[in-house]
Amino acid sequence: MKLLGVGFSLLLLISLGCNSVETSAEVSGTVLLGSEPLAEGEIIFEAVDNSKAPGAGMIKDGRYTIQVLPGSKKVKIQASRSAAKIDPVMKIAMKESILGPEFNERTTLKAEIKPGRNDKVDFQVKQMGEK
């Protein structure tokens, strides 16, 4: 009988723990560079208060689909191209960002992610130096 009580308590603790685990939401959308799809890059959704793990994924032909924990997010978009400089150690072309810091390091992009599917979470970015 005592074993039954311990088993029930364990089952109750497990079920309570499972309910407290937050499930990720599917987020998809497009990223335009000006009026054209961004050829390739990376998109990162970070919790505004840094309380949850970020979600990140690749952008290909202006489209992305990733898993993100729900909540208020700041969004960073990164894209680069080969620079004219050659890395002196690796002997390959270095990479340089093509987007301004307002889209990555000092992002102004935001999104509110709800549980479930979040379609058409779209963004428009500009090349560095463009107004």
N, C-alpha and C. Protein backbone atom coordinates (compact mmCIF):
# COMPACT_ATOMS: atom_id res chain seq x y z
N MET A 1 0.83 -1.18 0.00
CA MET A 1 0.00 0.00 0.00
C MET A 1 0.87 1.25 0.00
N LYS A 2 1.97 1.21 0.79
CA LYS A 2 2.88 2.34 0.85
C LYS A 2 3.52 2.58 -0.52
N LEU A 3 3.85 1.52 -1.22
CA LEU A 3 4.45 1.61 -2.55
C LEU A 3 3.49 2.26 -3.53
N LEU A 4 2.20 1.96 -3.41
CA LEU A 4 1.19 2.57 -4.26
C LEU A 4 1.13 4.08 -4.04
N GLY A 5 1.24 4.52 -2.79
CA GLY A 5 1.24 5.96 -2.46
C GLY A 5 2.45 6.66 -3.05
N VAL A 6 3.62 6.02 -2.99
CA VAL A 6 4.84 6.60 -3.56
C VAL A 6 4.71 6.69 -5.07
N GLY A 7 4.18 5.65 -5.67
CA GLY A 7 3.99 5.65 -7.13
C GLY A 7 3.04 6.75 -7.57
N PHE A 8 1.94 6.93 -6.83
CA PHE A 8 0.98 7.98 -7.15
C PHE A 8 1.62 9.36 -7.02
N SER A 9 2.40 9.55 -5.96
CA SER A 9 3.08 10.84 -5.75
C SER A 9 4.05 11.13 -6.88
N LEU A 10 4.79 10.13 -7.29
CA LEU A 10 5.74 10.28 -8.39
C LEU A 10 5.01 10.63 -9.68
N LEU A 11 3.91 9.95 -9.95
CA LEU A 11 3.12 10.23 -11.15
C LEU A 11 2.57 11.65 -11.13
N LEU A 12 2.13 12.11 -9.97
CA LEU A 12 1.62 13.46 -9.83
C LEU A 12 2.72 14.49 -10.10
N LEU A 13 3.91 14.27 -9.55
CA LEU A 13 5.02 15.19 -9.77
C LEU A 13 5.43 15.24 -11.25
N ILE A 14 5.46 14.11 -11.90
CA ILE A 14 5.81 14.05 -13.32
C ILE A 14 4.79 14.81 -14.15
N SER A 15 3.51 14.59 -13.87
CA SER A 15 2.48 15.27 -14.66
C SER A 15 2.50 16.77 -14.42
N LEU A 16 2.76 17.21 -13.20
CA LEU A 16 2.87 18.65 -12.93
C LEU A 16 4.07 19.24 -13.64
N GLY A 17 5.18 18.51 -13.65
CA GLY A 17 6.39 18.98 -14.34
C GLY A 17 6.18 19.09 -15.83
N CYS A 18 5.47 18.16 -16.42
CA CYS A 18 5.22 18.19 -17.86
C CYS A 18 4.36 19.38 -18.25
N ASN A 19 3.42 19.75 -17.40
CA ASN A 19 2.56 20.88 -17.72
C ASN A 19 3.30 22.20 -17.66
N SER A 20 4.41 22.26 -16.89
CA SER A 20 5.14 23.51 -16.76
C SER A 20 6.16 23.70 -17.89
N VAL A 21 6.40 22.68 -18.69
CA VAL A 21 7.34 22.79 -19.79
C VAL A 21 6.66 23.52 -20.95
N GLU A 22 7.30 24.59 -21.39
CA GLU A 22 6.72 25.38 -22.47
C GLU A 22 7.12 24.78 -23.81
N THR A 23 6.15 24.63 -24.71
CA THR A 23 6.44 24.08 -26.02
C THR A 23 6.70 25.21 -27.01
N SER A 24 7.54 24.92 -27.97
CA SER A 24 7.89 25.95 -28.95
C SER A 24 6.78 26.14 -29.97
N ALA A 25 6.82 27.30 -30.58
CA ALA A 25 5.86 27.65 -31.63
C ALA A 25 6.59 27.63 -32.97
N GLU A 26 5.86 27.33 -34.03
CA GLU A 26 6.45 27.38 -35.37
C GLU A 26 6.26 28.79 -35.92
N VAL A 27 7.35 29.39 -36.36
CA VAL A 27 7.33 30.75 -36.91
C VAL A 27 7.87 30.70 -38.33
N SER A 28 7.12 31.31 -39.26
CA SER A 28 7.59 31.36 -40.64
C SER A 28 7.26 32.73 -41.24
N GLY A 29 8.00 33.08 -42.25
CA GLY A 29 7.76 34.36 -42.91
C GLY A 29 8.77 34.61 -44.01
N THR A 30 8.80 35.87 -44.44
CA THR A 30 9.73 36.28 -45.48
C THR A 30 10.57 37.44 -44.99
N VAL A 31 11.75 37.56 -45.58
CA VAL A 31 12.64 38.69 -45.30
C VAL A 31 13.00 39.30 -46.64
N LEU A 32 12.66 40.57 -46.78
CA LEU A 32 12.97 41.30 -48.01
C LEU A 32 14.15 42.23 -47.77
N LEU A 33 15.05 42.27 -48.72
CA LEU A 33 16.15 43.24 -48.75
C LEU A 33 15.72 44.28 -49.76
N GLY A 34 15.21 45.41 -49.26
CA GLY A 34 14.56 46.37 -50.14
C GLY A 34 13.24 45.76 -50.59
N SER A 35 13.12 45.55 -51.88
CA SER A 35 11.89 44.94 -52.41
C SER A 35 12.11 43.51 -52.91
N GLU A 36 13.33 43.00 -52.75
CA GLU A 36 13.67 41.65 -53.22
C GLU A 36 13.89 40.70 -52.05
N PRO A 37 13.61 39.40 -52.23
CA PRO A 37 13.87 38.43 -51.16
C PRO A 37 15.36 38.40 -50.81
N LEU A 38 15.68 38.36 -49.51
CA LEU A 38 17.06 38.23 -49.07
C LEU A 38 17.56 36.85 -49.51
N ALA A 39 18.63 36.81 -50.29
CA ALA A 39 19.12 35.54 -50.86
C ALA A 39 19.42 34.51 -49.77
N GLU A 40 20.20 34.90 -48.78
CA GLU A 40 20.48 34.00 -47.67
C GLU A 40 20.95 34.78 -46.47
N GLY A 41 20.72 34.21 -45.31
CA GLY A 41 21.11 34.85 -44.07
C GLY A 41 20.65 34.02 -42.89
N GLU A 42 20.63 34.65 -41.74
CA GLU A 42 20.22 33.99 -40.51
C GLU A 42 19.27 34.91 -39.76
N ILE A 43 18.26 34.31 -39.13
CA ILE A 43 17.31 35.07 -38.33
C ILE A 43 17.32 34.50 -36.92
N ILE A 44 17.31 35.41 -35.94
CA ILE A 44 17.39 35.02 -34.53
C ILE A 44 16.28 35.73 -33.77
N PHE A 45 15.49 34.97 -33.02
CA PHE A 45 14.45 35.51 -32.16
C PHE A 45 14.93 35.37 -30.71
N GLU A 46 15.15 36.50 -30.02
CA GLU A 46 15.61 36.49 -28.64
C GLU A 46 14.52 37.08 -27.75
N ALA A 47 14.33 36.50 -26.57
CA ALA A 47 13.36 37.04 -25.62
C ALA A 47 13.78 38.45 -25.23
N VAL A 48 12.82 39.38 -25.22
CA VAL A 48 13.10 40.77 -24.88
C VAL A 48 13.78 40.87 -23.51
N ASP A 49 13.32 40.04 -22.56
CA ASP A 49 13.89 40.08 -21.21
C ASP A 49 14.99 39.02 -21.00
N ASN A 50 15.43 38.37 -22.07
CA ASN A 50 16.48 37.33 -22.03
C ASN A 50 16.14 36.17 -21.08
N SER A 51 14.84 35.92 -20.85
CA SER A 51 14.44 34.87 -19.91
C SER A 51 14.33 33.49 -20.56
N LYS A 52 14.34 33.44 -21.89
CA LYS A 52 14.18 32.16 -22.58
C LYS A 52 15.27 31.99 -23.62
N ALA A 53 15.53 30.75 -23.98
CA ALA A 53 16.53 30.46 -24.99
C ALA A 53 16.10 31.05 -26.33
N PRO A 54 17.04 31.60 -27.09
CA PRO A 54 16.69 32.14 -28.40
C PRO A 54 16.39 31.01 -29.40
N GLY A 55 15.70 31.37 -30.47
CA GLY A 55 15.46 30.45 -31.58
C GLY A 55 16.10 31.05 -32.82
N ALA A 56 16.75 30.24 -33.61
CA ALA A 56 17.44 30.75 -34.79
C ALA A 56 17.30 29.78 -35.95
N GLY A 57 17.43 30.31 -37.14
CA GLY A 57 17.37 29.47 -38.33
C GLY A 57 17.88 30.21 -39.55
N MET A 58 17.95 29.50 -40.63
CA MET A 58 18.47 30.04 -41.88
C MET A 58 17.37 30.68 -42.72
N ILE A 59 17.76 31.71 -43.44
CA ILE A 59 16.90 32.35 -44.43
C ILE A 59 17.45 31.92 -45.79
N LYS A 60 16.58 31.44 -46.64
CA LYS A 60 16.99 31.01 -47.99
C LYS A 60 15.94 31.52 -48.97
N ASP A 61 16.38 32.25 -49.98
CA ASP A 61 15.47 32.84 -50.97
C ASP A 61 14.35 33.65 -50.30
N GLY A 62 14.71 34.35 -49.21
CA GLY A 62 13.77 35.22 -48.52
C GLY A 62 12.81 34.53 -47.57
N ARG A 63 12.91 33.22 -47.40
CA ARG A 63 11.95 32.48 -46.56
C ARG A 63 12.67 31.79 -45.40
N TYR A 64 11.93 31.68 -44.29
CA TYR A 64 12.44 30.95 -43.14
C TYR A 64 11.27 30.28 -42.41
N THR A 65 11.58 29.20 -41.71
CA THR A 65 10.65 28.52 -40.80
C THR A 65 11.50 27.98 -39.65
N ILE A 66 11.15 28.39 -38.42
CA ILE A 66 11.92 27.95 -37.25
C ILE A 66 10.99 27.68 -36.08
N GLN A 67 11.55 27.08 -35.03
CA GLN A 67 10.84 26.83 -33.78
C GLN A 67 11.33 27.84 -32.75
N VAL A 68 10.39 28.51 -32.08
CA VAL A 68 10.71 29.57 -31.12
C VAL A 68 9.77 29.43 -29.92
N LEU A 69 10.29 29.69 -28.73
CA LEU A 69 9.42 29.73 -27.56
C LEU A 69 8.55 30.98 -27.64
N PRO A 70 7.27 30.88 -27.30
CA PRO A 70 6.36 32.04 -27.37
C PRO A 70 6.81 33.19 -26.47
N GLY A 71 6.37 34.40 -26.84
CA GLY A 71 6.65 35.59 -26.04
C GLY A 71 7.08 36.76 -26.89
N SER A 72 7.39 37.87 -26.22
CA SER A 72 7.87 39.08 -26.89
C SER A 72 9.33 38.88 -27.29
N LYS A 73 9.63 39.15 -28.55
CA LYS A 73 10.97 38.89 -29.08
C LYS A 73 11.58 40.12 -29.74
N LYS A 74 12.90 40.22 -29.63
CA LYS A 74 13.64 41.13 -30.48
C LYS A 74 14.23 40.23 -31.56
N VAL A 75 14.23 40.72 -32.79
CA VAL A 75 14.62 39.90 -33.92
C VAL A 75 15.89 40.46 -34.54
N LYS A 76 16.85 39.57 -34.77
CA LYS A 76 18.10 39.96 -35.41
C LYS A 76 18.22 39.21 -36.74
N ILE A 77 18.59 39.95 -37.76
CA ILE A 77 18.78 39.35 -39.09
C ILE A 77 20.21 39.63 -39.52
N GLN A 78 20.90 38.57 -39.91
CA GLN A 78 22.29 38.71 -40.32
C GLN A 78 22.45 38.19 -41.74
N ALA A 79 23.22 38.93 -42.52
CA ALA A 79 23.56 38.50 -43.89
C ALA A 79 24.92 39.10 -44.20
N SER A 80 25.74 38.35 -44.92
CA SER A 80 27.09 38.83 -45.23
C SER A 80 27.47 38.47 -46.65
N ARG A 81 28.58 39.08 -47.06
CA ARG A 81 29.17 38.78 -48.38
C ARG A 81 30.68 38.73 -48.21
N SER A 82 31.34 38.19 -49.19
CA SER A 82 32.80 38.15 -49.15
C SER A 82 33.34 39.57 -49.30
N ALA A 83 34.32 39.90 -48.47
CA ALA A 83 34.94 41.22 -48.51
C ALA A 83 36.15 41.19 -49.44
N ALA A 84 36.62 42.35 -49.78
CA ALA A 84 37.80 42.45 -50.63
C ALA A 84 39.06 42.00 -49.87
N LYS A 85 39.03 42.11 -48.53
CA LYS A 85 40.18 41.73 -47.71
C LYS A 85 40.33 40.22 -47.64
N ILE A 86 41.57 39.77 -47.60
CA ILE A 86 41.89 38.36 -47.42
C ILE A 86 42.35 38.16 -45.98
N ASP A 87 41.82 37.15 -45.32
CA ASP A 87 42.24 36.84 -43.97
C ASP A 87 43.70 36.38 -44.02
N PRO A 88 44.59 37.05 -43.27
CA PRO A 88 46.02 36.72 -43.36
C PRO A 88 46.36 35.32 -42.84
N VAL A 89 45.56 34.78 -41.95
CA VAL A 89 45.83 33.45 -41.39
C VAL A 89 45.20 32.36 -42.24
N MET A 90 43.90 32.52 -42.54
CA MET A 90 43.16 31.49 -43.26
C MET A 90 43.38 31.56 -44.78
N LYS A 91 43.82 32.70 -45.27
CA LYS A 91 44.07 32.91 -46.71
C LYS A 91 42.80 32.79 -47.54
N ILE A 92 41.66 33.21 -46.95
CA ILE A 92 40.39 33.24 -47.68
C ILE A 92 39.77 34.63 -47.51
N ALA A 93 38.83 34.95 -48.38
CA ALA A 93 38.17 36.24 -48.30
C ALA A 93 37.40 36.35 -46.98
N MET A 94 37.54 37.48 -46.31
CA MET A 94 36.81 37.73 -45.08
C MET A 94 35.36 38.04 -45.42
N LYS A 95 34.48 37.93 -44.43
CA LYS A 95 33.06 38.24 -44.60
C LYS A 95 32.76 39.60 -44.00
N GLU A 96 31.83 40.33 -44.61
CA GLU A 96 31.37 41.59 -44.06
C GLU A 96 29.86 41.63 -44.12
N SER A 97 29.26 42.27 -43.12
CA SER A 97 27.81 42.37 -43.04
C SER A 97 27.29 43.27 -44.16
N ILE A 98 26.16 42.89 -44.72
CA ILE A 98 25.54 43.75 -45.73
C ILE A 98 24.37 44.53 -45.13
N LEU A 99 23.99 44.21 -43.89
CA LEU A 99 22.86 44.88 -43.24
C LEU A 99 23.36 45.83 -42.16
N GLY A 100 22.62 46.90 -41.96
CA GLY A 100 22.96 47.86 -40.92
C GLY A 100 22.75 47.28 -39.53
N PRO A 101 23.40 47.89 -38.51
CA PRO A 101 23.29 47.38 -37.13
C PRO A 101 21.87 47.46 -36.56
N GLU A 102 21.00 48.27 -37.15
CA GLU A 102 19.61 48.34 -36.66
C GLU A 102 18.83 47.07 -36.96
N PHE A 103 19.43 46.13 -37.71
CA PHE A 103 18.78 44.86 -38.01
C PHE A 103 19.47 43.68 -37.31
N ASN A 104 20.59 43.93 -36.61
CA ASN A 104 21.27 42.85 -35.90
C ASN A 104 21.82 43.33 -34.55
N GLU A 105 23.03 43.86 -34.47
CA GLU A 105 23.62 44.21 -33.17
C GLU A 105 22.75 45.14 -32.34
N ARG A 106 22.17 46.16 -32.94
CA ARG A 106 21.30 47.11 -32.24
C ARG A 106 19.90 47.06 -32.85
N THR A 107 19.37 45.87 -32.92
CA THR A 107 18.11 45.66 -33.64
C THR A 107 16.95 46.51 -33.12
N THR A 108 16.13 46.93 -34.06
CA THR A 108 14.88 47.62 -33.74
C THR A 108 13.69 46.74 -34.12
N LEU A 109 13.96 45.54 -34.64
CA LEU A 109 12.91 44.63 -35.08
C LEU A 109 12.33 43.88 -33.88
N LYS A 110 11.01 43.74 -33.86
CA LYS A 110 10.32 43.04 -32.77
C LYS A 110 9.23 42.15 -33.33
N ALA A 111 8.85 41.15 -32.53
CA ALA A 111 7.74 40.26 -32.90
C ALA A 111 7.12 39.70 -31.62
N GLU A 112 5.82 39.48 -31.67
CA GLU A 112 5.10 38.84 -30.57
C GLU A 112 4.73 37.44 -31.05
N ILE A 113 5.33 36.42 -30.45
CA ILE A 113 5.13 35.04 -30.87
C ILE A 113 4.12 34.38 -29.94
N LYS A 114 3.07 33.85 -30.53
CA LYS A 114 2.00 33.17 -29.78
C LYS A 114 2.19 31.65 -29.89
N PRO A 115 1.66 30.88 -28.95
CA PRO A 115 1.74 29.42 -29.06
C PRO A 115 1.11 28.94 -30.37
N GLY A 116 1.61 27.84 -30.91
CA GLY A 116 1.07 27.29 -32.16
C GLY A 116 1.84 27.81 -33.37
N ARG A 117 1.11 27.98 -34.48
CA ARG A 117 1.73 28.47 -35.73
C ARG A 117 1.64 29.97 -35.83
N ASN A 118 2.72 30.57 -36.26
CA ASN A 118 2.80 32.01 -36.49
C ASN A 118 3.29 32.20 -37.91
N ASP A 119 2.36 32.38 -38.84
CA ASP A 119 2.70 32.56 -40.25
C ASP A 119 2.80 34.05 -40.57
N LYS A 120 3.52 34.34 -41.62
CA LYS A 120 3.65 35.72 -42.13
C LYS A 120 4.25 36.67 -41.11
N VAL A 121 5.27 36.20 -40.41
CA VAL A 121 6.05 37.07 -39.54
C VAL A 121 7.17 37.59 -40.43
N ASP A 122 6.85 38.66 -41.16
CA ASP A 122 7.70 39.17 -42.23
C ASP A 122 8.50 40.39 -41.80
N PHE A 123 9.66 40.57 -42.44
CA PHE A 123 10.52 41.70 -42.15
C PHE A 123 11.08 42.27 -43.44
N GLN A 124 11.37 43.57 -43.42
CA GLN A 124 12.02 44.24 -44.54
C GLN A 124 13.27 44.92 -43.99
N VAL A 125 14.40 44.64 -44.59
CA VAL A 125 15.68 45.19 -44.15
C VAL A 125 16.31 45.99 -45.29
N LYS A 126 17.35 46.75 -44.95
CA LYS A 126 18.05 47.57 -45.93
C LYS A 126 19.54 47.28 -45.84
N GLN A 127 20.22 47.49 -46.97
CA GLN A 127 21.66 47.35 -46.99
C GLN A 127 22.30 48.41 -46.12
N MET A 128 23.48 48.10 -45.61
CA MET A 128 24.20 49.04 -44.78
C MET A 128 24.40 50.35 -45.54
N GLY A 129 24.13 51.45 -44.87
CA GLY A 129 24.31 52.77 -45.49
C GLY A 129 23.09 53.28 -46.24
N GLU A 130 22.10 52.43 -46.48
CA GLU A 130 20.87 52.85 -47.17
C GLU A 130 19.94 53.56 -46.20
N LYS A 131 19.29 54.59 -46.66
CA LYS A 131 18.32 55.31 -45.82
C LYS A 131 16.91 54.86 -46.14
